[in-house]
Amino acid sequence: MSIGEVRPFRRADRDQLTALVNAHVQAVIPGMSVSVNAVLSQLECDPGEFIVDPWVSERVTLVVEQRGRVSAATHLVRYGTGTDVGPALRGTGEIRWLIYWPDAPVWPDSSAAGAAVAHAAVAVLRRWQVAKIAADGTLPAPGVYGLPEQWPHVREVLERIGFVRGDRTEVVLLADVASLPRSSGHTVGLDLVRTLGVSGTRFTARRDGVEVGFIEVNTGISGAGRVSSHEGWADVGNLHVDEAHRRRGVGTCLVARAADWLRLARVDRLLDYAAPQEVARLAFLERLGFSRLTETAREWQLDI
């Protein structure tokens, strides 16, 4: 069995690393892929994380090369210790993601590469003398974060070296926009206003002049040139209906109006997210046409 060489990422690795990233992405999100530029951009900075990325003080990317093949890789970040850094991440070292090819008959030692890069990652984090060590799986693709259930090999290697999953779990859902309701017949006596929201285009529902709910949809989740196939993706940034107005068609009306807007924009896939305990929300989304893609476990930590 050949563990291979653990070494820093080189620009010449970019195509093989992108293939490895996309294999993990596509196990979670059907038909999604990211470009080489998207991968390289995340290694240098993470434009999608505009709040926490400025807190990063150091980044390292390691790969394992086996017989000329990049079999495993990890991207590490260290957050600063200043007061400008959020308390939850202050002084934290994080495996932003760790991925590797599962063993196969023609390549039976890929798991050894995964274990090697995991041990190397922890060694780097310990050398940084961080206050806390965390792990996640945030690849540069919409909907891929935490450690999805489709990556049992990654969970296994992290658990083997002592990482413990946190209590936070999220469900990622996907809808074909063509199958979502249309606003015709779903206005239920509401006035809907379109404005700019904090997480995308916002549709606000008002009844008798009083706001009763809203939805925000973000059509910019792929970024400029970041997603190389299926540019027509969006996600639900916020969806809320006041308690007193639930089960009266308001939520359906909001989703229908947002879906009409997405069709005009030629967006054909819509992502949404929920906690497993949000039973009513999940049932509502599935009734409208959303399908569950994954449950992803978050807040993995390793005792120092």
C-alpha atoms as a PDB file:
ATOM      1  CA  MET A   1       0.000   0.000   0.000  1.00  0.00           C
ATOM      2  CA  SER A   2       1.373   3.421  -1.006  1.00  0.00           C
ATOM      3  CA  ILE A   3       0.416   6.364   1.221  1.00  0.00           C
ATOM      4  CA  GLY A   4       1.900   8.826  -1.249  1.00  0.00           C
ATOM      5  CA  GLU A   5       3.516  12.202  -0.742  1.00  0.00           C
ATOM      6  CA  VAL A   6       1.782  14.830   1.379  1.00  0.00           C
ATOM      7  CA  ARG A   7       2.830  18.232   0.100  1.00  0.00           C
ATOM      8  CA  PRO A   8       1.567  21.788  -0.440  1.00  0.00           C
ATOM      9  CA  PHE A   9      -0.783  22.403  -3.343  1.00  0.00           C
ATOM     10  CA  ARG A  10       0.861  23.434  -6.604  1.00  0.00           C
ATOM     11  CA  ARG A  11      -0.864  25.265  -9.410  1.00  0.00           C
ATOM     12  CA  ALA A  12      -0.160  22.286 -11.666  1.00  0.00           C
ATOM     13  CA  ASP A  13      -2.537  20.268  -9.424  1.00  0.00           C
ATOM     14  CA  ARG A  14      -5.495  22.462 -10.305  1.00  0.00           C
ATOM     15  CA  ASP A  15      -7.205  20.187 -12.853  1.00  0.00           C
ATOM     16  CA  GLN A  16      -6.912  17.032 -10.750  1.00  0.00           C
ATOM     17  CA  LEU A  17      -8.005  18.878  -7.627  1.00  0.00           C
ATOM     18  CA  THR A  18     -11.030  20.318  -9.433  1.00  0.00           C
ATOM     19  CA  ALA A  19     -12.003  16.827 -10.604  1.00  0.00           C
ATOM     20  CA  LEU A  20     -11.778  15.603  -7.011  1.00  0.00           C
ATOM     21  CA  VAL A  21     -13.859  18.556  -5.788  1.00  0.00           C
ATOM     22  CA  ASN A  22     -16.524  18.007  -8.455  1.00  0.00           C
ATOM     23  CA  ALA A  23     -16.811  14.297  -7.685  1.00  0.00           C
ATOM     24  CA  HIS A  24     -17.688  15.181  -4.076  1.00  0.00           C
ATOM     25  CA  VAL A  25     -20.014  18.008  -5.141  1.00  0.00           C
ATOM     26  CA  GLN A  26     -21.948  15.807  -7.566  1.00  0.00           C
ATOM     27  CA  ALA A  27     -22.552  13.139  -4.933  1.00  0.00           C
ATOM     28  CA  VAL A  28     -24.566  15.798  -3.061  1.00  0.00           C
ATOM     29  CA  ILE A  29     -26.041  18.150  -5.698  1.00  0.00           C
ATOM     30  CA  PRO A  30     -27.135  16.539  -8.999  1.00  0.00           C
ATOM     31  CA  GLY A  31     -25.536  18.002 -12.101  1.00  0.00           C
ATOM     32  CA  MET A  32     -23.536  20.652 -10.231  1.00  0.00           C
ATOM     33  CA  SER A  33     -19.912  21.334 -11.079  1.00  0.00           C
ATOM     34  CA  VAL A  34     -17.498  24.141 -10.375  1.00  0.00           C
ATOM     35  CA  SER A  35     -14.745  25.589 -12.500  1.00  0.00           C
ATOM     36  CA  VAL A  36     -11.007  25.508 -11.923  1.00  0.00           C
ATOM     37  CA  ASN A  37     -11.222  29.249 -11.253  1.00  0.00           C
ATOM     38  CA  ALA A  38     -13.789  28.649  -8.509  1.00  0.00           C
ATOM     39  CA  VAL A  39     -11.482  26.192  -6.763  1.00  0.00           C
ATOM     40  CA  LEU A  40      -8.423  28.413  -7.070  1.00  0.00           C
ATOM     41  CA  SER A  41     -10.415  31.415  -5.863  1.00  0.00           C
ATOM     42  CA  GLN A  42     -11.445  29.622  -2.678  1.00  0.00           C
ATOM     43  CA  LEU A  43      -7.840  28.658  -1.952  1.00  0.00           C
ATOM     44  CA  GLU A  44      -6.805  32.324  -2.096  1.00  0.00           C
ATOM     45  CA  CYS A  45      -9.897  33.832  -0.462  1.00  0.00           C
ATOM     46  CA  ASP A  46     -13.529  32.820  -0.162  1.00  0.00           C
ATOM     47  CA  PRO A  47     -15.684  35.470  -1.845  1.00  0.00           C
ATOM     48  CA  GLY A  48     -18.856  33.717  -0.762  1.00  0.00           C
ATOM     49  CA  GLU A  49     -17.949  34.115   2.919  1.00  0.00           C
ATOM     50  CA  PHE A  50     -17.805  37.900   2.976  1.00  0.00           C
ATOM     51  CA  ILE A  51     -18.401  38.076   6.738  1.00  0.00           C
ATOM     52  CA  VAL A  52     -15.960  35.484   8.097  1.00  0.00           C
ATOM     53  CA  ASP A  53     -13.344  35.366   5.331  1.00  0.00           C
ATOM     54  CA  PRO A  54     -11.765  38.718   6.344  1.00  0.00           C
ATOM     55  CA  TRP A  55     -11.123  37.140   9.750  1.00  0.00           C
ATOM     56  CA  VAL A  56      -8.816  34.504   8.222  1.00  0.00           C
ATOM     57  CA  SER A  57      -5.161  35.157   9.004  1.00  0.00           C
ATOM     58  CA  GLU A  58      -3.599  32.135   7.303  1.00  0.00           C
ATOM     59  CA  ARG A  59      -4.514  29.518   4.669  1.00  0.00           C
ATOM     60  CA  VAL A  60      -2.829  26.276   3.662  1.00  0.00           C
ATOM     61  CA  THR A  61      -3.829  23.676   1.068  1.00  0.00           C
ATOM     62  CA  LEU A  62      -2.268  20.218   1.147  1.00  0.00           C
ATOM     63  CA  VAL A  63      -2.571  17.382  -1.346  1.00  0.00           C
ATOM     64  CA  VAL A  64      -1.508  13.758  -1.408  1.00  0.00           C
ATOM     65  CA  GLU A  65      -0.012  12.560  -4.663  1.00  0.00           C
ATOM     66  CA  GLN A  66       0.004   8.831  -5.334  1.00  0.00           C
ATOM     67  CA  ARG A  67       1.769   7.632  -8.453  1.00  0.00           C
ATOM     68  CA  GLY A  68       1.131  10.954 -10.211  1.00  0.00           C
ATOM     69  CA  ARG A  69      -2.498  11.210  -9.085  1.00  0.00           C
ATOM     70  CA  VAL A  70      -3.911  13.735  -6.580  1.00  0.00           C
ATOM     71  CA  SER A  71      -5.813  11.268  -4.390  1.00  0.00           C
ATOM     72  CA  ALA A  72      -6.599  13.478  -1.396  1.00  0.00           C
ATOM     73  CA  ALA A  73      -6.582  17.132  -0.446  1.00  0.00           C
ATOM     74  CA  THR A  74      -7.463  19.474   2.390  1.00  0.00           C
ATOM     75  CA  HIS A  75      -7.828  23.219   2.783  1.00  0.00           C
ATOM     76  CA  LEU A  76      -7.050  24.752   6.177  1.00  0.00           C
ATOM     77  CA  VAL A  77      -7.692  28.205   7.591  1.00  0.00           C
ATOM     78  CA  ARG A  78      -6.680  29.928  10.794  1.00  0.00           C
ATOM     79  CA  TYR A  79      -8.834  32.718  12.178  1.00  0.00           C
ATOM     80  CA  GLY A  80      -7.243  35.694  13.864  1.00  0.00           C
ATOM     81  CA  THR A  81      -7.337  36.423  17.569  1.00  0.00           C
ATOM     82  CA  GLY A  82      -8.225  40.128  17.438  1.00  0.00           C
ATOM     83  CA  THR A  83     -11.407  41.657  18.761  1.00  0.00           C
ATOM     84  CA  ASP A  84     -12.581  42.206  15.180  1.00  0.00           C
ATOM     85  CA  VAL A  85     -12.992  38.420  14.832  1.00  0.00           C
ATOM     86  CA  GLY A  86     -16.318  36.929  15.944  1.00  0.00           C
ATOM     87  CA  PRO A  87     -16.058  35.176  19.333  1.00  0.00           C
ATOM     88  CA  ALA A  88     -17.197  31.811  17.939  1.00  0.00           C
ATOM     89  CA  LEU A  89     -14.245  31.677  15.499  1.00  0.00           C
ATOM     90  CA  ARG A  90     -11.634  33.731  17.333  1.00  0.00           C
ATOM     91  CA  GLY A  91      -8.387  31.738  17.496  1.00  0.00           C
ATOM     92  CA  THR A  92      -9.922  28.733  15.700  1.00  0.00           C
ATOM     93  CA  GLY A  93      -8.107  26.499  13.252  1.00  0.00           C
ATOM     94  CA  GLU A  94     -10.428  24.822  10.776  1.00  0.00           C
ATOM     95  CA  ILE A  95     -10.288  22.100   8.189  1.00  0.00           C
ATOM     96  CA  ARG A  96     -12.432  24.001   5.729  1.00  0.00           C
ATOM     97  CA  TRP A  97     -12.718  20.797   3.723  1.00  0.00           C
ATOM     98  CA  LEU A  98     -11.012  17.415   3.400  1.00  0.00           C
ATOM     99  CA  ILE A  99     -11.739  15.141   0.440  1.00  0.00           C
ATOM    100  CA  TYR A 100     -10.272  12.004  -1.060  1.00  0.00           C
ATOM    101  CA  TRP A 101     -11.079   9.306  -3.584  1.00  0.00           C
ATOM    102  CA  PRO A 102     -12.595   6.170  -2.010  1.00  0.00           C
ATOM    103  CA  ASP A 103     -10.722   2.913  -2.472  1.00  0.00           C
ATOM    104  CA  ALA A 104     -11.326   1.154  -5.772  1.00  0.00           C
ATOM    105  CA  PRO A 105     -10.038  -2.103  -7.311  1.00  0.00           C
ATOM    106  CA  VAL A 106      -7.717  -0.170  -9.607  1.00  0.00           C
ATOM    107  CA  TRP A 107      -6.686   2.175  -6.771  1.00  0.00           C
ATOM    108  CA  PRO A 108      -6.953   0.267  -3.475  1.00  0.00           C
ATOM    109  CA  ASP A 109      -4.938   2.665  -1.320  1.00  0.00           C
ATOM    110  CA  SER A 110      -6.789   5.958  -1.684  1.00  0.00           C
ATOM    111  CA  SER A 111      -8.074   5.725   1.888  1.00  0.00           C
ATOM    112  CA  ALA A 112      -4.453   5.697   3.047  1.00  0.00           C
ATOM    113  CA  ALA A 113      -4.031   9.038   1.268  1.00  0.00           C
ATOM    114  CA  GLY A 114      -7.120  10.360   3.037  1.00  0.00           C
ATOM    115  CA  ALA A 115      -5.765   9.313   6.412  1.00  0.00           C
ATOM    116  CA  ALA A 116      -2.377  10.815   5.623  1.00  0.00           C
ATOM    117  CA  VAL A 117      -3.761  14.209   4.640  1.00  0.00           C
ATOM    118  CA  ALA A 118      -6.025  14.214   7.721  1.00  0.00           C
ATOM    119  CA  HIS A 119      -3.080  13.623  10.059  1.00  0.00           C
ATOM    120  CA  ALA A 120      -1.046  16.257   8.226  1.00  0.00           C
ATOM    121  CA  ALA A 121      -3.901  18.748   8.559  1.00  0.00           C
ATOM    122  CA  VAL A 122      -4.146  18.254  12.322  1.00  0.00           C
ATOM    123  CA  ALA A 123      -0.366  18.605  12.623  1.00  0.00           C
ATOM    124  CA  VAL A 124      -0.522  21.983  10.864  1.00  0.00           C
ATOM    125  CA  LEU A 125      -3.391  23.170  13.072  1.00  0.00           C
ATOM    126  CA  ARG A 126      -1.508  22.141  16.211  1.00  0.00           C
ATOM    127  CA  ARG A 127       1.617  23.960  15.030  1.00  0.00           C
ATOM    128  CA  TRP A 128      -0.529  27.064  14.656  1.00  0.00           C
ATOM    129  CA  GLN A 129      -1.317  26.700  18.383  1.00  0.00           C
ATOM    130  CA  VAL A 130      -4.967  27.437  17.814  1.00  0.00           C
ATOM    131  CA  ALA A 131      -7.460  27.627  20.651  1.00  0.00           C
ATOM    132  CA  LYS A 132      -9.934  25.270  18.945  1.00  0.00           C
ATOM    133  CA  ILE A 133      -9.831  22.778  16.061  1.00  0.00           C
ATOM    134  CA  ALA A 134     -12.908  22.406  13.866  1.00  0.00           C
ATOM    135  CA  ALA A 135     -13.782  20.655  10.613  1.00  0.00           C
ATOM    136  CA  ASP A 136     -16.297  21.287   7.850  1.00  0.00           C
ATOM    137  CA  GLY A 137     -16.828  20.432   4.206  1.00  0.00           C
ATOM    138  CA  THR A 138     -17.566  23.785   2.583  1.00  0.00           C
ATOM    139  CA  LEU A 139     -16.627  23.313  -1.054  1.00  0.00           C
ATOM    140  CA  PRO A 140     -17.036  26.218  -3.518  1.00  0.00           C
ATOM    141  CA  ALA A 141     -20.455  25.035  -4.708  1.00  0.00           C
ATOM    142  CA  PRO A 142     -23.963  25.977  -3.576  1.00  0.00           C
ATOM    143  CA  GLY A 143     -25.471  23.585  -1.038  1.00  0.00           C
ATOM    144  CA  VAL A 144     -22.244  21.740  -0.213  1.00  0.00           C
ATOM    145  CA  TYR A 145     -21.148  22.344   3.378  1.00  0.00           C
ATOM    146  CA  GLY A 146     -20.844  20.451   6.627  1.00  0.00           C
ATOM    147  CA  LEU A 147     -20.170  16.747   6.183  1.00  0.00           C
ATOM    148  CA  PRO A 148     -22.979  15.396   3.979  1.00  0.00           C
ATOM    149  CA  GLU A 149     -24.219  11.854   4.515  1.00  0.00           C
ATOM    150  CA  GLN A 150     -22.972  11.029   0.999  1.00  0.00           C
ATOM    151  CA  TRP A 151     -19.380  11.316   2.236  1.00  0.00           C
ATOM    152  CA  PRO A 152     -19.121   8.422   4.724  1.00  0.00           C
ATOM    153  CA  HIS A 153     -15.464   7.962   3.800  1.00  0.00           C
ATOM    154  CA  VAL A 154     -14.657  11.535   4.902  1.00  0.00           C
ATOM    155  CA  ARG A 155     -16.616  11.194   8.135  1.00  0.00           C
ATOM    156  CA  GLU A 156     -14.817   7.930   8.846  1.00  0.00           C
ATOM    157  CA  VAL A 157     -11.311   9.323   8.487  1.00  0.00           C
ATOM    158  CA  LEU A 158     -12.102  12.357  10.667  1.00  0.00           C
ATOM    159  CA  GLU A 159     -13.732  10.216  13.357  1.00  0.00           C
ATOM    160  CA  ARG A 160     -10.745   7.891  13.320  1.00  0.00           C
ATOM    161  CA  ILE A 161      -8.410  10.722  14.319  1.00  0.00           C
ATOM    162  CA  GLY A 162     -10.737  11.964  17.037  1.00  0.00           C
ATOM    163  CA  PHE A 163     -13.177  14.458  15.528  1.00  0.00           C
ATOM    164  CA  VAL A 164     -16.643  14.453  17.073  1.00  0.00           C
ATOM    165  CA  ARG A 165     -19.708  15.765  15.260  1.00  0.00           C
ATOM    166  CA  GLY A 166     -21.724  18.559  16.804  1.00  0.00           C
ATOM    167  CA  ASP A 167     -25.449  18.665  17.416  1.00  0.00           C
ATOM    168  CA  ARG A 168     -26.217  20.826  14.394  1.00  0.00           C
ATOM    169  CA  THR A 169     -27.667  19.076  11.351  1.00  0.00           C
ATOM    170  CA  GLU A 170     -29.281  20.641   8.288  1.00  0.00           C
ATOM    171  CA  VAL A 171     -31.364  19.300   5.416  1.00  0.00           C
ATOM    172  CA  VAL A 172     -30.617  20.531   1.880  1.00  0.00           C
ATOM    173  CA  LEU A 173     -33.543  20.418  -0.555  1.00  0.00           C
ATOM    174  CA  LEU A 174     -33.851  21.037  -4.285  1.00  0.00           C
ATOM    175  CA  ALA A 175     -36.824  21.898  -6.491  1.00  0.00           C
ATOM    176  CA  ASP A 176     -37.254  21.920 -10.235  1.00  0.00           C
ATOM    177  CA  VAL A 177     -38.611  25.447 -10.721  1.00  0.00           C
ATOM    178  CA  ALA A 178     -40.851  24.246 -13.553  1.00  0.00           C
ATOM    179  CA  SER A 179     -42.732  22.035 -11.083  1.00  0.00           C
ATOM    180  CA  LEU A 180     -43.324  24.748  -8.483  1.00  0.00           C
ATOM    181  CA  PRO A 181     -46.747  26.447  -8.277  1.00  0.00           C
ATOM    182  CA  ARG A 182     -47.536  29.442 -10.464  1.00  0.00           C
ATOM    183  CA  SER A 183     -48.899  32.616  -8.910  1.00  0.00           C
ATOM    184  CA  SER A 184     -52.110  32.500 -10.963  1.00  0.00           C
ATOM    185  CA  GLY A 185     -54.787  31.268  -8.569  1.00  0.00           C
ATOM    186  CA  HIS A 186     -52.589  31.633  -5.469  1.00  0.00           C
ATOM    187  CA  THR A 187     -52.957  35.331  -4.619  1.00  0.00           C
ATOM    188  CA  VAL A 188     -55.442  34.601  -1.751  1.00  0.00           C
ATOM    189  CA  GLY A 189     -56.304  38.281  -1.437  1.00  0.00           C
ATOM    190  CA  LEU A 190     -52.700  39.382  -0.983  1.00  0.00           C
ATOM    191  CA  ASP A 191     -50.712  42.299  -2.345  1.00  0.00           C
ATOM    192  CA  LEU A 192     -47.151  41.309  -3.260  1.00  0.00           C
ATOM    193  CA  VAL A 193     -44.332  43.830  -3.556  1.00  0.00           C
ATOM    194  CA  ARG A 194     -40.898  43.090  -5.050  1.00  0.00           C
ATOM    195  CA  THR A 195     -37.879  44.850  -3.520  1.00  0.00           C
ATOM    196  CA  LEU A 196     -34.222  44.221  -2.807  1.00  0.00           C
ATOM    197  CA  GLY A 197     -33.798  42.105   0.328  1.00  0.00           C
ATOM    198  CA  VAL A 198     -30.804  41.259   2.479  1.00  0.00           C
ATOM    199  CA  SER A 199     -30.396  37.818   0.824  1.00  0.00           C
ATOM    200  CA  GLY A 200     -31.604  38.459  -2.717  1.00  0.00           C
ATOM    201  CA  THR A 201     -34.785  39.629  -4.418  1.00  0.00           C
ATOM    202  CA  ARG A 202     -37.556  39.967  -1.830  1.00  0.00           C
ATOM    203  CA  PHE A 203     -41.272  39.410  -2.334  1.00  0.00           C
ATOM    204  CA  THR A 204     -43.347  40.770   0.551  1.00  0.00           C
ATOM    205  CA  ALA A 205     -46.954  39.690   1.059  1.00  0.00           C
ATOM    206  CA  ARG A 206     -49.358  42.228   2.558  1.00  0.00           C
ATOM    207  CA  ARG A 207     -52.953  41.798   3.578  1.00  0.00           C
ATOM    208  CA  ASP A 208     -54.972  44.931   4.241  1.00  0.00           C
ATOM    209  CA  GLY A 209     -51.712  46.896   4.268  1.00  0.00           C
ATOM    210  CA  VAL A 210     -50.093  44.691   6.921  1.00  0.00           C
ATOM    211  CA  GLU A 211     -47.010  42.580   6.130  1.00  0.00           C
ATOM    212  CA  VAL A 212     -47.796  38.896   6.724  1.00  0.00           C
ATOM    213  CA  GLY A 213     -44.806  37.152   5.152  1.00  0.00           C
ATOM    214  CA  PHE A 214     -41.906  37.332   2.711  1.00  0.00           C
ATOM    215  CA  ILE A 215     -39.520  35.262   0.642  1.00  0.00           C
ATOM    216  CA  GLU A 216     -36.055  36.160  -0.669  1.00  0.00           C
ATOM    217  CA  VAL A 217     -34.401  34.323  -3.548  1.00  0.00           C
ATOM    218  CA  ASN A 218     -30.774  34.695  -4.520  1.00  0.00           C
ATOM    219  CA  THR A 219     -29.905  34.080  -8.166  1.00  0.00           C
ATOM    220  CA  GLY A 220     -26.233  34.975  -7.676  1.00  0.00           C
ATOM    221  CA  ILE A 221     -25.151  31.898  -5.721  1.00  0.00           C
ATOM    222  CA  SER A 222     -22.948  30.619  -8.536  1.00  0.00           C
ATOM    223  CA  GLY A 223     -20.895  33.809  -8.630  1.00  0.00           C
ATOM    224  CA  ALA A 224     -19.297  35.245 -11.737  1.00  0.00           C
ATOM    225  CA  GLY A 225     -17.798  32.313 -13.610  1.00  0.00           C
ATOM    226  CA  ARG A 226     -17.690  30.089 -10.534  1.00  0.00           C
ATOM    227  CA  VAL A 227     -20.164  27.389 -11.550  1.00  0.00           C
ATOM    228  CA  SER A 228     -19.257  25.900 -14.896  1.00  0.00           C
ATOM    229  CA  SER A 229     -22.479  24.007 -15.598  1.00  0.00           C
ATOM    230  CA  HIS A 230     -26.146  24.699 -14.894  1.00  0.00           C
ATOM    231  CA  GLU A 231     -25.837  28.426 -14.318  1.00  0.00           C
ATOM    232  CA  GLY A 232     -29.587  28.514 -13.665  1.00  0.00           C
ATOM    233  CA  TRP A 233     -29.376  27.933  -9.919  1.00  0.00           C
ATOM    234  CA  ALA A 234     -30.790  29.966  -7.034  1.00  0.00           C
ATOM    235  CA  ASP A 235     -31.515  29.455  -3.379  1.00  0.00           C
ATOM    236  CA  VAL A 236     -34.049  30.631  -0.841  1.00  0.00           C
ATOM    237  CA  GLY A 237     -32.342  33.200   1.353  1.00  0.00           C
ATOM    238  CA  ASN A 238     -35.325  33.695   3.670  1.00  0.00           C
ATOM    239  CA  LEU A 239     -38.896  32.441   3.844  1.00  0.00           C
ATOM    240  CA  HIS A 240     -41.179  33.557   6.663  1.00  0.00           C
ATOM    241  CA  VAL A 241     -44.914  33.713   7.275  1.00  0.00           C
ATOM    242  CA  ASP A 242     -46.310  35.242  10.457  1.00  0.00           C
ATOM    243  CA  GLU A 243     -47.712  32.601  12.778  1.00  0.00           C
ATOM    244  CA  ALA A 244     -51.254  34.017  12.663  1.00  0.00           C
ATOM    245  CA  HIS A 245     -51.325  33.757   8.864  1.00  0.00           C
ATOM    246  CA  ARG A 246     -49.921  30.264   8.377  1.00  0.00           C
ATOM    247  CA  ARG A 247     -51.918  27.482   6.712  1.00  0.00           C
ATOM    248  CA  ARG A 248     -53.872  30.129   4.804  1.00  0.00           C
ATOM    249  CA  GLY A 249     -52.008  29.938   1.487  1.00  0.00           C
ATOM    250  CA  VAL A 250     -49.546  32.759   2.131  1.00  0.00           C
ATOM    251  CA  GLY A 251     -46.436  30.565   1.905  1.00  0.00           C
ATOM    252  CA  THR A 252     -47.631  28.929  -1.305  1.00  0.00           C
ATOM    253  CA  CYS A 253     -48.394  32.322  -2.785  1.00  0.00           C
ATOM    254  CA  LEU A 254     -44.905  33.603  -1.949  1.00  0.00           C
ATOM    255  CA  VAL A 255     -43.137  30.575  -3.398  1.00  0.00           C
ATOM    256  CA  ALA A 256     -45.321  30.756  -6.518  1.00  0.00           C
ATOM    257  CA  ARG A 257     -44.515  34.430  -7.106  1.00  0.00           C
ATOM    258  CA  ALA A 258     -40.799  33.788  -6.555  1.00  0.00           C
ATOM    259  CA  ALA A 259     -40.951  30.826  -8.963  1.00  0.00           C
ATOM    260  CA  ASP A 260     -42.558  33.008 -11.643  1.00  0.00           C
ATOM    261  CA  TRP A 261     -39.694  35.473 -11.235  1.00  0.00           C
ATOM    262  CA  LEU A 262     -37.101  32.695 -11.477  1.00  0.00           C
ATOM    263  CA  ARG A 263     -38.671  31.381 -14.670  1.00  0.00           C
ATOM    264  CA  LEU A 264     -38.304  34.831 -16.225  1.00  0.00           C
ATOM    265  CA  ALA A 265     -34.639  34.722 -15.201  1.00  0.00           C
ATOM    266  CA  ARG A 266     -34.280  31.251 -16.761  1.00  0.00           C
ATOM    267  CA  VAL A 267     -33.401  29.750 -13.414  1.00  0.00           C
ATOM    268  CA  ASP A 268     -34.440  26.095 -13.321  1.00  0.00           C
ATOM    269  CA  ARG A 269     -33.193  24.845  -9.932  1.00  0.00           C
ATOM    270  CA  LEU A 270     -33.963  26.239  -6.474  1.00  0.00           C
ATOM    271  CA  LEU A 271     -32.211  25.157  -3.269  1.00  0.00           C
ATOM    272  CA  ASP A 272     -33.554  25.540   0.242  1.00  0.00           C
ATOM    273  CA  TYR A 273     -32.392  24.529   3.697  1.00  0.00           C
ATOM    274  CA  ALA A 274     -34.067  23.477   6.938  1.00  0.00           C
ATOM    275  CA  ALA A 275     -33.302  21.851  10.259  1.00  0.00           C
ATOM    276  CA  PRO A 276     -34.582  18.259  10.703  1.00  0.00           C
ATOM    277  CA  GLN A 277     -36.745  19.385  13.614  1.00  0.00           C
ATOM    278  CA  GLU A 278     -38.571  21.892  11.385  1.00  0.00           C
ATOM    279  CA  VAL A 279     -41.105  19.223  10.520  1.00  0.00           C
ATOM    280  CA  ALA A 280     -43.839  21.584   9.341  1.00  0.00           C
ATOM    281  CA  ARG A 281     -41.451  23.554   7.113  1.00  0.00           C
ATOM    282  CA  LEU A 282     -40.057  20.380   5.555  1.00  0.00           C
ATOM    283  CA  ALA A 283     -43.547  19.027   4.905  1.00  0.00           C
ATOM    284  CA  PHE A 284     -44.560  22.344   3.305  1.00  0.00           C
ATOM    285  CA  LEU A 285     -41.516  22.389   1.019  1.00  0.00           C
ATOM    286  CA  GLU A 286     -41.943  18.776  -0.026  1.00  0.00           C
ATOM    287  CA  ARG A 287     -45.634  19.359  -0.732  1.00  0.00           C
ATOM    288  CA  LEU A 288     -44.666  22.176  -3.119  1.00  0.00           C
ATOM    289  CA  GLY A 289     -42.191  19.977  -4.994  1.00  0.00           C
ATOM    290  CA  PHE A 290     -38.871  20.162  -3.128  1.00  0.00           C
ATOM    291  CA  SER A 291     -36.892  16.937  -2.692  1.00  0.00           C
ATOM    292  CA  ARG A 292     -34.426  16.186   0.073  1.00  0.00           C
ATOM    293  CA  LEU A 293     -30.884  15.853  -1.225  1.00  0.00           C
ATOM    294  CA  THR A 294     -28.902  15.345   1.956  1.00  0.00           C
ATOM    295  CA  GLU A 295     -28.614  15.756   5.677  1.00  0.00           C
ATOM    296  CA  THR A 296     -25.323  17.374   6.536  1.00  0.00           C
ATOM    297  CA  ALA A 297     -23.653  17.319   9.942  1.00  0.00           C
ATOM    298  CA  ARG A 298     -21.923  20.474  11.146  1.00  0.00           C
ATOM    299  CA  GLU A 299     -19.685  21.776  13.942  1.00  0.00           C
ATOM    300  CA  TRP A 300     -17.205  18.886  14.029  1.00  0.00           C
ATOM    301  CA  GLN A 301     -14.502  19.447  16.630  1.00  0.00           C
ATOM    302  CA  LEU A 302     -11.312  17.843  17.885  1.00  0.00           C
ATOM    303  CA  ASP A 303     -10.120  18.141  21.457  1.00  0.00           C
ATOM    304  CA  ILE A 304      -6.775  19.898  21.687  1.00  0.00           C
END
